[in-house]
Amino acid sequence: MPRTKKIKDNPDLIKDTTSQAVINTNRTAIQVRRAQIALNKAKDAELKQMKDDIAELKSLLKSLGKK
């Protein structure tokens, strides 16, 4: 019995009959998705850094205002 079988409506997907996992065999789509995930992580990290910088600037302005 084969370990994998093709999914009828989508030629890029196969199903592992042992674990019941659906596996994408389209390498280009996988690479594009991984690049998209990496870009989103970079944007999130940049946004977090900007928020931290703004919080630091606020605290500095508050400390200057008290003097």
N, C-alpha and C. Protein backbone atom coordinates (compact mmCIF):
# COMPACT_ATOMS: atom_id res chain seq x y z
N MET A 1 0.84 -1.18 0.00
CA MET A 1 0.00 0.00 0.00
C MET A 1 0.88 1.24 0.00
N PRO A 2 0.61 2.19 -0.92
CA PRO A 2 1.45 3.39 -0.96
C PRO A 2 1.26 4.25 0.29
N ARG A 3 2.33 4.89 0.68
CA ARG A 3 2.30 5.73 1.87
C ARG A 3 1.60 7.06 1.60
N THR A 4 1.58 7.51 0.35
CA THR A 4 0.93 8.77 0.01
C THR A 4 -0.04 8.56 -1.14
N LYS A 5 -1.03 9.45 -1.23
CA LYS A 5 -1.92 9.43 -2.38
C LYS A 5 -2.26 10.85 -2.76
N LYS A 6 -2.53 11.07 -4.04
CA LYS A 6 -2.82 12.40 -4.55
C LYS A 6 -4.23 12.82 -4.15
N ILE A 7 -4.38 14.13 -3.98
CA ILE A 7 -5.69 14.70 -3.70
C ILE A 7 -6.31 15.09 -5.03
N LYS A 8 -7.56 14.71 -5.24
CA LYS A 8 -8.21 14.86 -6.55
C LYS A 8 -8.21 16.28 -7.10
N ASP A 9 -8.72 17.23 -6.33
CA ASP A 9 -8.96 18.57 -6.85
C ASP A 9 -7.74 19.48 -6.86
N ASN A 10 -6.65 19.09 -6.24
CA ASN A 10 -5.47 19.94 -6.18
C ASN A 10 -4.22 19.11 -6.44
N PRO A 11 -3.60 19.27 -7.62
CA PRO A 11 -2.44 18.44 -7.96
C PRO A 11 -1.19 18.76 -7.13
N ASP A 12 -1.18 19.90 -6.44
CA ASP A 12 -0.01 20.27 -5.64
C ASP A 12 -0.02 19.65 -4.24
N LEU A 13 -1.12 18.98 -3.88
CA LEU A 13 -1.23 18.42 -2.54
C LEU A 13 -1.28 16.90 -2.60
N ILE A 14 -0.60 16.28 -1.61
CA ILE A 14 -0.69 14.83 -1.44
C ILE A 14 -1.03 14.55 0.02
N LYS A 15 -1.58 13.39 0.28
CA LYS A 15 -1.95 13.02 1.65
C LYS A 15 -1.13 11.82 2.10
N ASP A 16 -0.50 11.96 3.25
CA ASP A 16 0.24 10.86 3.86
C ASP A 16 -0.78 9.95 4.54
N THR A 17 -0.85 8.71 4.08
CA THR A 17 -1.87 7.81 4.61
C THR A 17 -1.57 7.33 6.02
N THR A 18 -0.33 7.44 6.46
CA THR A 18 0.03 7.01 7.80
C THR A 18 -0.37 8.05 8.85
N SER A 19 0.04 9.29 8.63
CA SER A 19 -0.22 10.34 9.61
C SER A 19 -1.43 11.20 9.27
N GLN A 20 -2.02 10.99 8.09
CA GLN A 20 -3.17 11.76 7.60
C GLN A 20 -2.81 13.24 7.34
N ALA A 21 -1.53 13.57 7.23
CA ALA A 21 -1.09 14.93 6.97
C ALA A 21 -1.26 15.24 5.49
N VAL A 22 -1.63 16.49 5.20
CA VAL A 22 -1.71 16.96 3.82
C VAL A 22 -0.41 17.73 3.55
N ILE A 23 0.28 17.36 2.48
CA ILE A 23 1.60 17.91 2.18
C ILE A 23 1.55 18.66 0.87
N ASN A 24 2.07 19.88 0.88
CA ASN A 24 2.14 20.71 -0.32
C ASN A 24 3.43 20.37 -1.06
N THR A 25 3.33 19.97 -2.31
CA THR A 25 4.52 19.61 -3.09
C THR A 25 4.97 20.73 -4.02
N ASN A 26 4.28 21.87 -4.00
CA ASN A 26 4.62 23.01 -4.84
C ASN A 26 5.71 23.82 -4.13
N ARG A 27 6.96 23.59 -4.50
CA ARG A 27 8.09 24.23 -3.83
C ARG A 27 8.08 25.76 -3.98
N THR A 28 7.66 26.25 -5.11
CA THR A 28 7.63 27.69 -5.33
C THR A 28 6.66 28.35 -4.37
N ALA A 29 5.49 27.78 -4.20
CA ALA A 29 4.49 28.33 -3.28
C ALA A 29 5.00 28.30 -1.85
N ILE A 30 5.71 27.25 -1.50
CA ILE A 30 6.26 27.14 -0.15
C ILE A 30 7.31 28.22 0.08
N GLN A 31 8.19 28.44 -0.90
CA GLN A 31 9.23 29.46 -0.77
C GLN A 31 8.62 30.86 -0.68
N VAL A 32 7.58 31.11 -1.47
CA VAL A 32 6.92 32.42 -1.44
C VAL A 32 6.29 32.64 -0.07
N ARG A 33 5.64 31.62 0.47
CA ARG A 33 5.00 31.74 1.78
C ARG A 33 6.03 31.96 2.88
N ARG A 34 7.15 31.25 2.82
CA ARG A 34 8.20 31.43 3.82
C ARG A 34 8.78 32.85 3.76
N ALA A 35 8.95 33.37 2.55
CA ALA A 35 9.44 34.74 2.39
C ALA A 35 8.43 35.73 2.97
N GLN A 36 7.15 35.47 2.75
CA GLN A 36 6.10 36.33 3.28
C GLN A 36 6.10 36.31 4.81
N ILE A 37 6.28 35.14 5.39
CA ILE A 37 6.33 35.03 6.85
C ILE A 37 7.54 35.78 7.40
N ALA A 38 8.69 35.65 6.74
CA ALA A 38 9.90 36.35 7.18
C ALA A 38 9.72 37.86 7.09
N LEU A 39 9.08 38.32 6.03
CA LEU A 39 8.83 39.76 5.87
C LEU A 39 7.90 40.26 6.97
N ASN A 40 6.87 39.50 7.30
CA ASN A 40 5.95 39.89 8.37
C ASN A 40 6.66 39.94 9.72
N LYS A 41 7.56 38.98 9.98
CA LYS A 41 8.31 38.99 11.22
C LYS A 41 9.21 40.21 11.31
N ALA A 42 9.84 40.57 10.19
CA ALA A 42 10.71 41.74 10.16
C ALA A 42 9.91 43.02 10.41
N LYS A 43 8.73 43.10 9.80
CA LYS A 43 7.88 44.27 10.02
C LYS A 43 7.42 44.36 11.46
N ASP A 44 7.06 43.22 12.05
CA ASP A 44 6.64 43.20 13.45
C ASP A 44 7.78 43.63 14.37
N ALA A 45 8.99 43.16 14.08
CA ALA A 45 10.15 43.53 14.90
C ALA A 45 10.44 45.02 14.77
N GLU A 46 10.31 45.55 13.56
CA GLU A 46 10.54 46.98 13.35
C GLU A 46 9.49 47.81 14.09
N LEU A 47 8.24 47.39 14.03
CA LEU A 47 7.18 48.10 14.73
C LEU A 47 7.39 48.08 16.23
N LYS A 48 7.81 46.93 16.77
CA LYS A 48 8.08 46.84 18.20
C LYS A 48 9.23 47.77 18.59
N GLN A 49 10.27 47.82 17.76
CA GLN A 49 11.41 48.70 18.04
C GLN A 49 10.97 50.16 18.04
N MET A 50 10.12 50.52 17.08
CA MET A 50 9.63 51.90 17.01
C MET A 50 8.80 52.25 18.25
N LYS A 51 7.96 51.32 18.70
CA LYS A 51 7.17 51.55 19.91
C LYS A 51 8.07 51.74 21.12
N ASP A 52 9.11 50.91 21.22
CA ASP A 52 10.05 51.04 22.33
C ASP A 52 10.78 52.38 22.28
N ASP A 53 11.17 52.81 21.08
CA ASP A 53 11.85 54.10 20.92
C ASP A 53 10.93 55.25 21.32
N ILE A 54 9.68 55.18 20.93
CA ILE A 54 8.72 56.24 21.27
C ILE A 54 8.51 56.28 22.78
N ALA A 55 8.41 55.11 23.42
CA ALA A 55 8.25 55.07 24.87
C ALA A 55 9.46 55.68 25.56
N GLU A 56 10.65 55.41 25.03
CA GLU A 56 11.87 55.97 25.60
C GLU A 56 11.90 57.49 25.43
N LEU A 57 11.51 57.96 24.26
CA LEU A 57 11.47 59.41 24.02
C LEU A 57 10.46 60.09 24.95
N LYS A 58 9.33 59.47 25.18
CA LYS A 58 8.33 60.02 26.10
C LYS A 58 8.90 60.16 27.51
N SER A 59 9.57 59.12 27.95
CA SER A 59 10.13 59.16 29.29
C SER A 59 11.23 60.23 29.40
N LEU A 60 12.02 60.38 28.35
CA LEU A 60 13.06 61.42 28.34
C LEU A 60 12.43 62.81 28.38
N LEU A 61 11.37 63.01 27.61
CA LEU A 61 10.69 64.31 27.60
C LEU A 61 10.06 64.61 28.94
N LYS A 62 9.49 63.61 29.57
CA LYS A 62 8.90 63.80 30.89
C LYS A 62 9.97 64.16 31.91
N SER A 63 11.13 63.52 31.83
CA SER A 63 12.21 63.81 32.80
C SER A 63 12.78 65.21 32.52
N LEU A 64 12.81 65.66 31.28
CA LEU A 64 13.28 67.02 30.98
C LEU A 64 12.27 68.06 31.47
N GLY A 65 11.00 67.73 31.40
CA GLY A 65 9.96 68.66 31.84
C GLY A 65 9.96 68.85 33.35
N LYS A 66 10.44 67.88 34.10
CA LYS A 66 10.48 67.97 35.55
C LYS A 66 11.63 68.83 36.05
N LYS A 67 12.64 69.04 35.23
CA LYS A 67 13.83 69.79 35.66
C LYS A 67 13.59 71.27 35.63
